[in-house]
C-alpha cells in the first residue's frame, strides 16, 4: 500500500492539494475538483492511504513562494506524473517553458518532433496531474487564445497574468510585447 502525503495550500485562486510520495511530487490539483485527481490517483495507486502533513519535503513553501511572486520557486522540484511514455515526454517539455512565456500546442508538438501531433499534445496536457509546477497553463492556441485548462480558464488567465503575460479579450496580447521593447 502506498502512503501519499498531502497538504492543503491556500492560493489567491483557490485551495490546492499537494500530493507527495517518496519525496517526489505526484500531484498538485485545485481542491475544488476532487473527482479529477482521485480518479487519476486510484488508477496510479490502486491501494493507497493519504496522510495530511504540513509542508511535505518543503514543497508547500515553494508553492507559496511562487504565488507570492518568486516565479522560479517551483523550478526543479522533483515530479512523477505516472503517465504514458508520450505523456511523460509532453510533461517534460512543459517544464522547459520558462515562466512569463507561452507556446502553442503546435509549437509544443514540433518540439516533440511531430508538428501534426497537436491533438495528442493537447490530450496529454489535459491529463497533467501536477498543475503549476508542470506548467500546462503556458500552452495556448495558435492564434493566442486561452484554450482549455483543467482548473478553468479564469485560473489560467490569473496564472499567466501573475507571470507577466499580457492578456486581452481572452488571448495573449502579443502587441503588448512590441510596445515594451
N, C-alpha and C. Protein backbone atom coordinates (compact mmCIF):
# COMPACT_ATOMS: atom_id res chain seq x y z
N UNK A 1 0.84 -1.18 0.00
CA UNK A 1 0.00 0.00 0.00
C UNK A 1 0.88 1.25 0.00
N UNK A 2 0.54 2.19 -0.85
CA UNK A 2 1.27 3.45 -0.94
C UNK A 2 0.66 4.47 0.01
N UNK A 3 1.53 5.20 0.71
CA UNK A 3 1.07 6.30 1.54
C UNK A 3 1.42 7.60 0.84
N UNK A 4 0.40 8.37 0.52
CA UNK A 4 0.56 9.65 -0.14
C UNK A 4 0.46 10.73 0.92
N UNK A 5 1.50 11.54 1.03
CA UNK A 5 1.48 12.67 1.95
C UNK A 5 0.80 13.83 1.25
N UNK A 6 -0.09 14.50 1.95
CA UNK A 6 -0.84 15.60 1.36
C UNK A 6 -0.74 16.86 2.21
N UNK A 7 -0.95 17.98 1.55
CA UNK A 7 -1.04 19.26 2.25
C UNK A 7 -1.98 20.14 1.45
N UNK A 8 -2.82 20.87 2.15
CA UNK A 8 -3.70 21.84 1.51
C UNK A 8 -3.02 23.21 1.55
N UNK A 9 -2.96 23.84 0.40
CA UNK A 9 -2.27 25.12 0.26
C UNK A 9 -3.26 26.17 -0.21
N UNK A 10 -3.38 27.23 0.53
CA UNK A 10 -4.26 28.34 0.12
C UNK A 10 -3.52 29.18 -0.91
N UNK A 11 -4.21 29.48 -2.01
CA UNK A 11 -3.64 30.32 -3.05
C UNK A 11 -4.64 31.42 -3.39
N UNK A 12 -4.20 32.45 -4.09
CA UNK A 12 -5.13 33.52 -4.48
C UNK A 12 -6.25 33.05 -5.42
N UNK A 13 -6.11 31.86 -6.02
CA UNK A 13 -7.12 31.37 -6.95
C UNK A 13 -7.77 30.08 -6.46
N UNK A 14 -7.70 29.86 -5.17
CA UNK A 14 -8.36 28.71 -4.57
C UNK A 14 -7.38 27.74 -3.96
N UNK A 15 -7.89 26.91 -3.03
CA UNK A 15 -7.03 25.94 -2.37
C UNK A 15 -6.55 24.86 -3.33
N UNK A 16 -5.32 24.42 -3.09
CA UNK A 16 -4.73 23.34 -3.88
C UNK A 16 -4.38 22.20 -2.95
N UNK A 17 -4.41 21.00 -3.50
CA UNK A 17 -3.99 19.82 -2.76
C UNK A 17 -2.68 19.32 -3.35
N UNK A 18 -1.66 19.31 -2.52
CA UNK A 18 -0.34 18.81 -2.88
C UNK A 18 -0.27 17.34 -2.47
N UNK A 19 0.28 16.50 -3.34
CA UNK A 19 0.41 15.07 -3.06
C UNK A 19 1.85 14.64 -3.31
N UNK A 20 2.44 13.95 -2.34
CA UNK A 20 3.85 13.57 -2.38
C UNK A 20 4.00 12.10 -2.01
N UNK A 21 4.86 11.42 -2.75
CA UNK A 21 5.23 10.04 -2.42
C UNK A 21 6.74 9.91 -2.56
N UNK A 22 7.37 9.34 -1.55
CA UNK A 22 8.82 9.10 -1.60
C UNK A 22 9.59 10.37 -1.99
N UNK A 23 9.27 11.50 -1.39
CA UNK A 23 9.97 12.77 -1.59
C UNK A 23 9.85 13.30 -3.02
N UNK A 24 8.81 12.89 -3.74
CA UNK A 24 8.57 13.35 -5.11
C UNK A 24 7.12 13.80 -5.21
N UNK A 25 6.90 14.95 -5.85
CA UNK A 25 5.55 15.45 -6.05
C UNK A 25 4.86 14.59 -7.11
N UNK A 26 3.72 14.01 -6.74
CA UNK A 26 2.98 13.17 -7.69
C UNK A 26 1.66 13.81 -8.10
N UNK A 27 1.28 14.88 -7.44
CA UNK A 27 0.04 15.56 -7.78
C UNK A 27 -0.02 16.93 -7.16
N UNK A 28 -0.65 17.85 -7.91
CA UNK A 28 -0.95 19.18 -7.41
C UNK A 28 -2.17 19.65 -8.19
N UNK A 29 -3.29 19.67 -7.50
CA UNK A 29 -4.56 19.98 -8.16
C UNK A 29 -5.33 20.99 -7.32
N UNK A 30 -6.19 21.76 -8.00
CA UNK A 30 -7.09 22.63 -7.28
C UNK A 30 -8.07 21.75 -6.54
N UNK A 31 -8.28 22.06 -5.27
CA UNK A 31 -9.00 21.15 -4.38
C UNK A 31 -10.52 21.19 -4.56
N UNK A 32 -11.01 22.00 -5.48
CA UNK A 32 -12.45 22.01 -5.72
C UNK A 32 -12.85 20.99 -6.79
N UNK A 33 -11.89 20.18 -7.23
CA UNK A 33 -12.15 19.17 -8.25
C UNK A 33 -11.64 17.79 -7.82
N UNK A 34 -12.13 17.28 -6.67
CA UNK A 34 -11.59 16.01 -6.17
C UNK A 34 -11.81 14.84 -7.13
N UNK A 35 -12.89 14.87 -7.90
CA UNK A 35 -13.13 13.77 -8.82
C UNK A 35 -12.02 13.68 -9.86
N UNK A 36 -11.44 14.82 -10.22
CA UNK A 36 -10.36 14.86 -11.22
C UNK A 36 -9.12 14.15 -10.69
N UNK A 37 -8.68 14.53 -9.50
CA UNK A 37 -7.43 13.93 -9.02
C UNK A 37 -7.62 12.56 -8.40
N UNK A 38 -8.78 12.28 -7.81
CA UNK A 38 -8.97 10.97 -7.20
C UNK A 38 -9.04 9.86 -8.25
N UNK A 39 -9.65 10.13 -9.38
CA UNK A 39 -9.71 9.14 -10.46
C UNK A 39 -8.29 8.77 -10.91
N UNK A 40 -7.45 9.80 -11.10
CA UNK A 40 -6.07 9.56 -11.51
C UNK A 40 -5.29 8.83 -10.42
N UNK A 41 -5.45 9.24 -9.17
CA UNK A 41 -4.73 8.59 -8.08
C UNK A 41 -5.10 7.12 -7.95
N UNK A 42 -6.38 6.82 -8.07
CA UNK A 42 -6.82 5.42 -7.95
C UNK A 42 -6.28 4.56 -9.09
N UNK A 43 -6.14 5.17 -10.27
CA UNK A 43 -5.56 4.44 -11.40
C UNK A 43 -4.09 4.15 -11.13
N UNK A 44 -3.38 5.15 -10.64
CA UNK A 44 -1.94 5.01 -10.42
C UNK A 44 -1.61 4.21 -9.16
N UNK A 45 -2.46 4.33 -8.14
CA UNK A 45 -2.21 3.69 -6.84
C UNK A 45 -3.48 2.97 -6.40
N UNK A 46 -3.71 1.76 -6.91
CA UNK A 46 -4.95 1.05 -6.57
C UNK A 46 -5.16 0.89 -5.06
N UNK A 47 -4.07 0.75 -4.33
CA UNK A 47 -4.16 0.68 -2.87
C UNK A 47 -3.38 1.85 -2.31
N UNK A 48 -4.11 2.83 -1.79
CA UNK A 48 -3.41 3.99 -1.27
C UNK A 48 -4.03 4.48 0.02
N UNK A 49 -3.20 5.10 0.79
CA UNK A 49 -3.64 5.79 2.00
C UNK A 49 -3.11 7.21 1.89
N UNK A 50 -3.91 8.16 2.33
CA UNK A 50 -3.49 9.56 2.28
C UNK A 50 -3.30 10.05 3.71
N UNK A 51 -2.22 10.77 3.92
CA UNK A 51 -1.92 11.29 5.26
C UNK A 51 -1.58 12.77 5.12
N UNK A 52 -2.34 13.61 5.79
CA UNK A 52 -2.13 15.05 5.76
C UNK A 52 -0.98 15.41 6.70
N UNK A 53 0.03 16.11 6.16
CA UNK A 53 1.11 16.64 6.99
C UNK A 53 1.42 18.05 6.49
N UNK A 54 2.03 18.84 7.32
CA UNK A 54 2.39 20.20 6.94
C UNK A 54 3.67 20.20 6.11
N UNK A 55 3.60 20.83 4.95
CA UNK A 55 4.78 21.15 4.15
C UNK A 55 5.68 19.94 3.82
N UNK A 56 5.12 18.89 3.22
CA UNK A 56 5.97 17.73 2.91
C UNK A 56 7.13 18.11 1.99
N UNK A 57 8.32 17.73 2.40
CA UNK A 57 9.56 17.97 1.65
C UNK A 57 9.82 19.45 1.39
N UNK A 58 9.13 20.33 2.08
CA UNK A 58 9.29 21.76 1.85
C UNK A 58 8.58 22.25 0.59
N UNK A 59 7.86 21.35 -0.09
CA UNK A 59 7.21 21.72 -1.36
C UNK A 59 6.15 22.79 -1.18
N UNK A 60 5.41 22.75 -0.08
CA UNK A 60 4.35 23.75 0.15
C UNK A 60 4.95 25.15 0.22
N UNK A 61 6.10 25.26 0.86
CA UNK A 61 6.77 26.57 0.93
C UNK A 61 7.16 27.07 -0.46
N UNK A 62 7.62 26.17 -1.32
CA UNK A 62 7.98 26.55 -2.69
C UNK A 62 6.75 27.07 -3.44
N UNK A 63 5.63 26.39 -3.26
CA UNK A 63 4.40 26.82 -3.93
C UNK A 63 3.93 28.17 -3.41
N UNK A 64 3.99 28.37 -2.11
CA UNK A 64 3.60 29.67 -1.56
C UNK A 64 4.51 30.78 -2.11
N UNK A 65 5.80 30.48 -2.23
CA UNK A 65 6.73 31.47 -2.77
C UNK A 65 6.38 31.82 -4.22
N UNK A 66 6.01 30.81 -5.00
CA UNK A 66 5.58 31.06 -6.39
C UNK A 66 4.40 32.03 -6.39
N UNK A 67 3.41 31.74 -5.59
CA UNK A 67 2.21 32.58 -5.57
C UNK A 67 2.49 33.98 -5.00
N UNK A 68 3.56 34.12 -4.24
CA UNK A 68 3.94 35.44 -3.71
C UNK A 68 4.85 36.19 -4.66
N UNK A 69 5.15 35.62 -5.83
CA UNK A 69 5.90 36.34 -6.85
C UNK A 69 7.24 35.76 -7.24
N UNK A 70 7.74 34.76 -6.53
CA UNK A 70 9.00 34.12 -6.89
C UNK A 70 8.70 33.04 -7.92
N UNK A 71 8.63 33.43 -9.18
CA UNK A 71 8.19 32.52 -10.25
C UNK A 71 9.10 31.32 -10.44
N UNK A 72 10.35 31.41 -10.04
CA UNK A 72 11.27 30.29 -10.18
C UNK A 72 11.26 29.33 -9.00
N UNK A 73 10.44 29.62 -7.99
CA UNK A 73 10.45 28.81 -6.77
C UNK A 73 10.04 27.36 -7.01
N UNK A 74 9.30 27.08 -8.07
CA UNK A 74 8.85 25.71 -8.33
C UNK A 74 9.71 24.99 -9.36
N UNK A 75 10.62 25.73 -9.98
CA UNK A 75 11.51 25.11 -10.96
C UNK A 75 12.39 24.07 -10.26
N UNK A 76 12.56 22.94 -10.88
CA UNK A 76 13.46 21.93 -10.35
C UNK A 76 12.88 21.02 -9.28
N UNK A 77 11.64 21.28 -8.84
CA UNK A 77 11.06 20.37 -7.86
C UNK A 77 10.87 19.00 -8.51
N UNK A 78 11.18 17.91 -7.80
CA UNK A 78 11.04 16.58 -8.40
C UNK A 78 9.57 16.21 -8.56
N UNK A 79 9.23 15.71 -9.75
CA UNK A 79 7.85 15.32 -10.03
C UNK A 79 7.82 13.94 -10.70
N UNK A 80 6.67 13.28 -10.54
CA UNK A 80 6.43 12.00 -11.21
C UNK A 80 4.95 11.95 -11.54
N UNK A 81 4.62 12.13 -12.81
CA UNK A 81 3.23 12.21 -13.22
C UNK A 81 2.54 10.88 -13.42
N UNK A 82 3.30 9.81 -13.60
CA UNK A 82 2.70 8.49 -13.76
C UNK A 82 1.94 8.30 -15.06
N UNK A 83 2.36 8.98 -16.12
CA UNK A 83 1.67 8.87 -17.40
C UNK A 83 2.30 7.87 -18.34
N UNK A 84 1.76 7.84 -19.55
CA UNK A 84 2.32 7.01 -20.61
C UNK A 84 3.67 7.62 -21.03
N UNK A 85 4.48 6.89 -21.77
CA UNK A 85 5.74 7.48 -22.23
C UNK A 85 5.52 8.79 -23.02
N UNK A 86 4.50 8.84 -23.86
CA UNK A 86 4.23 10.08 -24.61
C UNK A 86 3.83 11.21 -23.67
N UNK A 87 2.94 10.93 -22.73
CA UNK A 87 2.55 11.97 -21.77
C UNK A 87 3.75 12.48 -20.99
N UNK A 88 4.61 11.57 -20.56
CA UNK A 88 5.80 11.99 -19.81
C UNK A 88 6.70 12.89 -20.66
N UNK A 89 6.81 12.61 -21.95
CA UNK A 89 7.60 13.48 -22.84
C UNK A 89 6.97 14.86 -22.93
N UNK A 90 5.65 14.90 -23.07
CA UNK A 90 4.95 16.20 -23.13
C UNK A 90 5.17 16.96 -21.83
N UNK A 91 4.99 16.30 -20.70
CA UNK A 91 5.12 16.97 -19.41
C UNK A 91 6.56 17.45 -19.18
N UNK A 92 7.53 16.68 -19.62
CA UNK A 92 8.93 17.12 -19.51
C UNK A 92 9.16 18.37 -20.35
N UNK A 93 8.57 18.41 -21.52
CA UNK A 93 8.72 19.58 -22.39
C UNK A 93 8.01 20.80 -21.79
N UNK A 94 6.89 20.58 -21.13
CA UNK A 94 6.20 21.69 -20.46
C UNK A 94 7.12 22.35 -19.44
N UNK A 95 7.89 21.55 -18.75
CA UNK A 95 8.79 22.11 -17.72
C UNK A 95 9.90 22.94 -18.32
N UNK A 96 10.10 22.85 -19.61
CA UNK A 96 11.14 23.65 -20.28
C UNK A 96 10.61 25.02 -20.73
N UNK A 97 9.31 25.26 -20.59
CA UNK A 97 8.74 26.55 -20.96
C UNK A 97 8.97 27.52 -19.79
N UNK A 98 9.76 28.56 -20.01
CA UNK A 98 10.05 29.48 -18.89
C UNK A 98 8.81 30.25 -18.45
N UNK A 99 8.81 30.63 -17.18
CA UNK A 99 7.75 31.50 -16.68
C UNK A 99 7.69 32.74 -17.55
N UNK A 100 6.50 33.31 -17.67
CA UNK A 100 6.25 34.53 -18.46
C UNK A 100 6.30 34.26 -19.95
N UNK A 101 6.29 32.99 -20.35
CA UNK A 101 6.37 32.61 -21.76
C UNK A 101 5.21 31.69 -22.09
N UNK A 102 4.69 31.81 -23.30
CA UNK A 102 3.66 30.88 -23.77
C UNK A 102 4.09 30.29 -25.10
N UNK A 103 3.57 29.10 -25.39
CA UNK A 103 3.76 28.49 -26.70
C UNK A 103 2.43 27.87 -27.12
N UNK A 104 2.28 27.60 -28.39
CA UNK A 104 1.06 26.97 -28.89
C UNK A 104 1.19 25.45 -28.82
N UNK A 105 0.04 24.80 -28.95
CA UNK A 105 0.04 23.33 -28.99
C UNK A 105 0.88 22.85 -30.17
N UNK A 106 0.79 23.54 -31.31
CA UNK A 106 1.58 23.18 -32.48
C UNK A 106 3.08 23.31 -32.22
N UNK A 107 3.47 24.40 -31.55
CA UNK A 107 4.89 24.58 -31.21
C UNK A 107 5.36 23.47 -30.29
N UNK A 108 4.52 23.12 -29.32
CA UNK A 108 4.89 22.05 -28.39
C UNK A 108 5.02 20.72 -29.13
N UNK A 109 4.09 20.45 -30.03
CA UNK A 109 4.17 19.22 -30.83
C UNK A 109 5.45 19.22 -31.67
N UNK A 110 5.79 20.38 -32.23
CA UNK A 110 7.02 20.49 -33.02
C UNK A 110 8.26 20.21 -32.19
N UNK A 111 8.28 20.68 -30.96
CA UNK A 111 9.41 20.41 -30.07
C UNK A 111 9.56 18.92 -29.80
N UNK A 112 8.44 18.21 -29.89
CA UNK A 112 8.46 16.76 -29.66
C UNK A 112 8.71 15.98 -30.94
N UNK A 113 8.88 16.72 -32.06
CA UNK A 113 9.25 16.07 -33.31
C UNK A 113 8.12 15.77 -34.27
N UNK A 114 6.89 16.20 -33.95
CA UNK A 114 5.77 15.93 -34.86
C UNK A 114 4.78 17.08 -34.78
N UNK A 115 4.90 18.04 -35.69
CA UNK A 115 4.02 19.21 -35.69
C UNK A 115 2.55 18.85 -35.85
N UNK A 116 2.25 17.66 -36.35
CA UNK A 116 0.87 17.23 -36.55
C UNK A 116 0.27 16.58 -35.31
N UNK A 117 1.03 16.47 -34.25
CA UNK A 117 0.55 15.80 -33.04
C UNK A 117 -0.12 16.76 -32.06
N UNK A 118 -0.64 17.88 -32.58
CA UNK A 118 -1.24 18.89 -31.70
C UNK A 118 -2.35 18.33 -30.82
N UNK A 119 -3.21 17.50 -31.41
CA UNK A 119 -4.32 16.94 -30.64
C UNK A 119 -3.81 16.04 -29.52
N UNK A 120 -2.87 15.17 -29.84
CA UNK A 120 -2.30 14.28 -28.83
C UNK A 120 -1.60 15.08 -27.72
N UNK A 121 -0.92 16.15 -28.12
CA UNK A 121 -0.26 17.02 -27.14
C UNK A 121 -1.31 17.66 -26.24
N UNK A 122 -2.41 18.12 -26.84
CA UNK A 122 -3.49 18.72 -26.07
C UNK A 122 -4.09 17.75 -25.07
N UNK A 123 -4.29 16.50 -25.49
CA UNK A 123 -4.83 15.49 -24.59
C UNK A 123 -3.87 15.20 -23.44
N UNK A 124 -2.57 15.08 -23.75
CA UNK A 124 -1.58 14.85 -22.70
C UNK A 124 -1.52 16.03 -21.75
N UNK A 125 -1.59 17.23 -22.30
CA UNK A 125 -1.58 18.45 -21.50
C UNK A 125 -2.75 18.44 -20.51
N UNK A 126 -3.91 18.02 -20.99
CA UNK A 126 -5.11 17.98 -20.15
C UNK A 126 -5.06 16.92 -19.06
N UNK A 127 -4.20 15.94 -19.20
CA UNK A 127 -4.07 14.89 -18.19
C UNK A 127 -2.95 15.16 -17.18
N UNK A 128 -2.31 16.28 -17.29
CA UNK A 128 -1.23 16.64 -16.39
C UNK A 128 -1.75 16.67 -14.94
N UNK A 129 -1.21 15.83 -14.05
CA UNK A 129 -1.69 15.80 -12.67
C UNK A 129 -0.95 16.76 -11.74
N UNK A 130 -0.01 17.54 -12.28
CA UNK A 130 0.81 18.39 -11.41
C UNK A 130 0.73 19.84 -11.92
N UNK A 131 -0.39 20.46 -11.63
CA UNK A 131 -0.64 21.82 -12.08
C UNK A 131 0.43 22.77 -11.56
N UNK A 132 0.64 23.85 -12.26
CA UNK A 132 1.55 24.95 -11.94
C UNK A 132 3.01 24.53 -12.04
N UNK A 133 3.43 23.48 -11.35
CA UNK A 133 4.83 23.04 -11.39
C UNK A 133 5.16 22.47 -12.77
N UNK A 134 4.26 21.69 -13.33
CA UNK A 134 4.35 21.26 -14.72
C UNK A 134 3.38 22.20 -15.44
N UNK A 135 3.90 23.30 -15.99
CA UNK A 135 3.08 24.47 -16.35
C UNK A 135 2.26 24.34 -17.63
N UNK A 136 1.24 23.51 -17.58
CA UNK A 136 0.36 23.34 -18.73
C UNK A 136 -0.41 24.63 -19.03
N UNK A 137 -0.49 25.54 -18.07
CA UNK A 137 -1.19 26.81 -18.30
C UNK A 137 -0.46 27.70 -19.32
N UNK A 138 0.78 27.38 -19.63
CA UNK A 138 1.56 28.20 -20.57
C UNK A 138 1.34 27.80 -22.03
N UNK A 139 0.48 26.83 -22.28
CA UNK A 139 0.20 26.40 -23.64
C UNK A 139 -1.12 27.04 -24.09
N UNK A 140 -1.08 27.68 -25.26
CA UNK A 140 -2.23 28.43 -25.77
C UNK A 140 -2.52 28.03 -27.21
N UNK A 141 -3.63 28.51 -27.74
CA UNK A 141 -3.97 28.26 -29.13
C UNK A 141 -3.02 28.99 -30.06
N UNK A 142 -2.95 28.55 -31.32
CA UNK A 142 -2.02 29.14 -32.28
C UNK A 142 -2.32 30.61 -32.55
N UNK A 143 -3.56 31.03 -32.31
CA UNK A 143 -3.91 32.44 -32.51
C UNK A 143 -3.83 33.25 -31.22
N UNK A 144 -3.25 32.66 -30.19
CA UNK A 144 -3.07 33.35 -28.92
C UNK A 144 -4.22 33.17 -27.95
N UNK A 145 -5.27 32.45 -28.35
CA UNK A 145 -6.41 32.29 -27.44
C UNK A 145 -6.05 31.36 -26.29
N UNK A 146 -6.67 31.65 -25.16
CA UNK A 146 -6.51 30.80 -23.99
C UNK A 146 -7.48 29.64 -24.16
N UNK A 147 -6.95 28.47 -24.37
CA UNK A 147 -7.79 27.30 -24.55
C UNK A 147 -7.74 26.46 -23.29
N UNK A 148 -8.56 25.44 -23.23
CA UNK A 148 -8.77 24.60 -22.07
C UNK A 148 -7.71 24.58 -20.99
N UNK A 149 -8.19 24.47 -19.77
CA UNK A 149 -7.33 24.33 -18.61
C UNK A 149 -8.15 23.59 -17.55
N UNK A 150 -7.58 22.53 -17.00
CA UNK A 150 -8.31 21.72 -16.02
C UNK A 150 -8.83 22.51 -14.84
N UNK A 151 -8.12 23.54 -14.45
CA UNK A 151 -8.55 24.37 -13.32
C UNK A 151 -9.52 25.47 -13.73
N UNK A 152 -9.81 25.58 -15.03
CA UNK A 152 -10.72 26.61 -15.52
C UNK A 152 -9.96 27.78 -16.13
N UNK A 153 -10.55 28.38 -17.15
CA UNK A 153 -9.89 29.49 -17.83
C UNK A 153 -9.64 30.71 -16.94
N UNK A 154 -10.51 31.04 -15.98
CA UNK A 154 -10.17 32.16 -15.09
C UNK A 154 -8.86 31.93 -14.33
N UNK A 155 -8.60 30.70 -13.92
CA UNK A 155 -7.34 30.41 -13.23
C UNK A 155 -6.16 30.47 -14.20
N UNK A 156 -6.35 29.97 -15.41
CA UNK A 156 -5.28 30.05 -16.40
C UNK A 156 -4.94 31.52 -16.67
N UNK A 157 -5.96 32.34 -16.81
CA UNK A 157 -5.75 33.77 -17.02
C UNK A 157 -4.98 34.37 -15.85
N UNK A 158 -5.39 34.04 -14.63
CA UNK A 158 -4.72 34.58 -13.45
C UNK A 158 -3.25 34.15 -13.43
N UNK A 159 -2.99 32.86 -13.67
CA UNK A 159 -1.61 32.37 -13.64
C UNK A 159 -0.74 33.07 -14.67
N UNK A 160 -1.24 33.23 -15.88
CA UNK A 160 -0.46 33.91 -16.92
C UNK A 160 -0.25 35.37 -16.57
N UNK A 161 -1.29 36.04 -16.07
CA UNK A 161 -1.11 37.43 -15.63
C UNK A 161 -0.09 37.52 -14.49
N UNK A 162 -0.16 36.58 -13.56
CA UNK A 162 0.77 36.54 -12.43
C UNK A 162 2.22 36.44 -12.94
N UNK A 163 2.40 35.72 -14.03
CA UNK A 163 3.73 35.55 -14.61
C UNK A 163 4.10 36.69 -15.56
N UNK A 164 3.22 37.66 -15.71
CA UNK A 164 3.53 38.82 -16.54
C UNK A 164 3.16 38.70 -18.00
N UNK A 165 2.35 37.70 -18.34
CA UNK A 165 1.90 37.54 -19.73
C UNK A 165 0.68 38.44 -19.93
N UNK A 166 0.76 39.39 -20.87
CA UNK A 166 -0.39 40.28 -21.09
C UNK A 166 -1.54 39.56 -21.80
N UNK A 167 -2.74 39.70 -21.26
CA UNK A 167 -3.92 39.04 -21.82
C UNK A 167 -4.98 40.12 -22.08
N UNK A 168 -5.57 40.05 -23.25
CA UNK A 168 -6.64 40.97 -23.59
C UNK A 168 -7.71 40.19 -24.35
N UNK A 169 -8.94 40.29 -23.88
CA UNK A 169 -10.08 39.63 -24.53
C UNK A 169 -9.87 38.13 -24.74
N UNK A 170 -9.35 37.46 -23.72
CA UNK A 170 -9.21 36.01 -23.78
C UNK A 170 -8.09 35.48 -24.63
N UNK A 171 -7.14 36.34 -24.96
CA UNK A 171 -5.99 35.87 -25.74
C UNK A 171 -4.74 36.61 -25.29
N UNK A 172 -3.61 35.97 -25.54
CA UNK A 172 -2.33 36.60 -25.21
C UNK A 172 -2.16 37.79 -26.13
N UNK A 173 -1.85 38.93 -25.54
CA UNK A 173 -1.72 40.17 -26.30
C UNK A 173 -0.26 40.32 -26.74
N UNK A 174 0.04 39.79 -27.90
CA UNK A 174 1.42 39.84 -28.41
C UNK A 174 1.82 41.27 -28.77
N UNK A 175 0.85 42.13 -29.04
CA UNK A 175 1.15 43.53 -29.35
C UNK A 175 1.76 44.24 -28.15
N UNK A 176 1.36 43.85 -26.95
CA UNK A 176 1.90 44.49 -25.74
C UNK A 176 3.41 44.30 -25.69
N UNK A 177 3.89 43.15 -26.15
CA UNK A 177 5.34 42.90 -26.15
C UNK A 177 6.05 43.89 -27.06
N UNK A 178 5.41 44.24 -28.17
CA UNK A 178 6.03 45.16 -29.12
C UNK A 178 6.22 46.54 -28.51
N UNK A 179 5.26 46.97 -27.69
CA UNK A 179 5.34 48.30 -27.10
C UNK A 179 6.34 48.37 -25.95
N UNK A 180 6.61 47.23 -25.33
CA UNK A 180 7.54 47.22 -24.19
C UNK A 180 8.99 47.14 -24.66
N UNK A 181 9.23 46.75 -25.89
CA UNK A 181 10.59 46.56 -26.38
C UNK A 181 11.33 47.88 -26.56
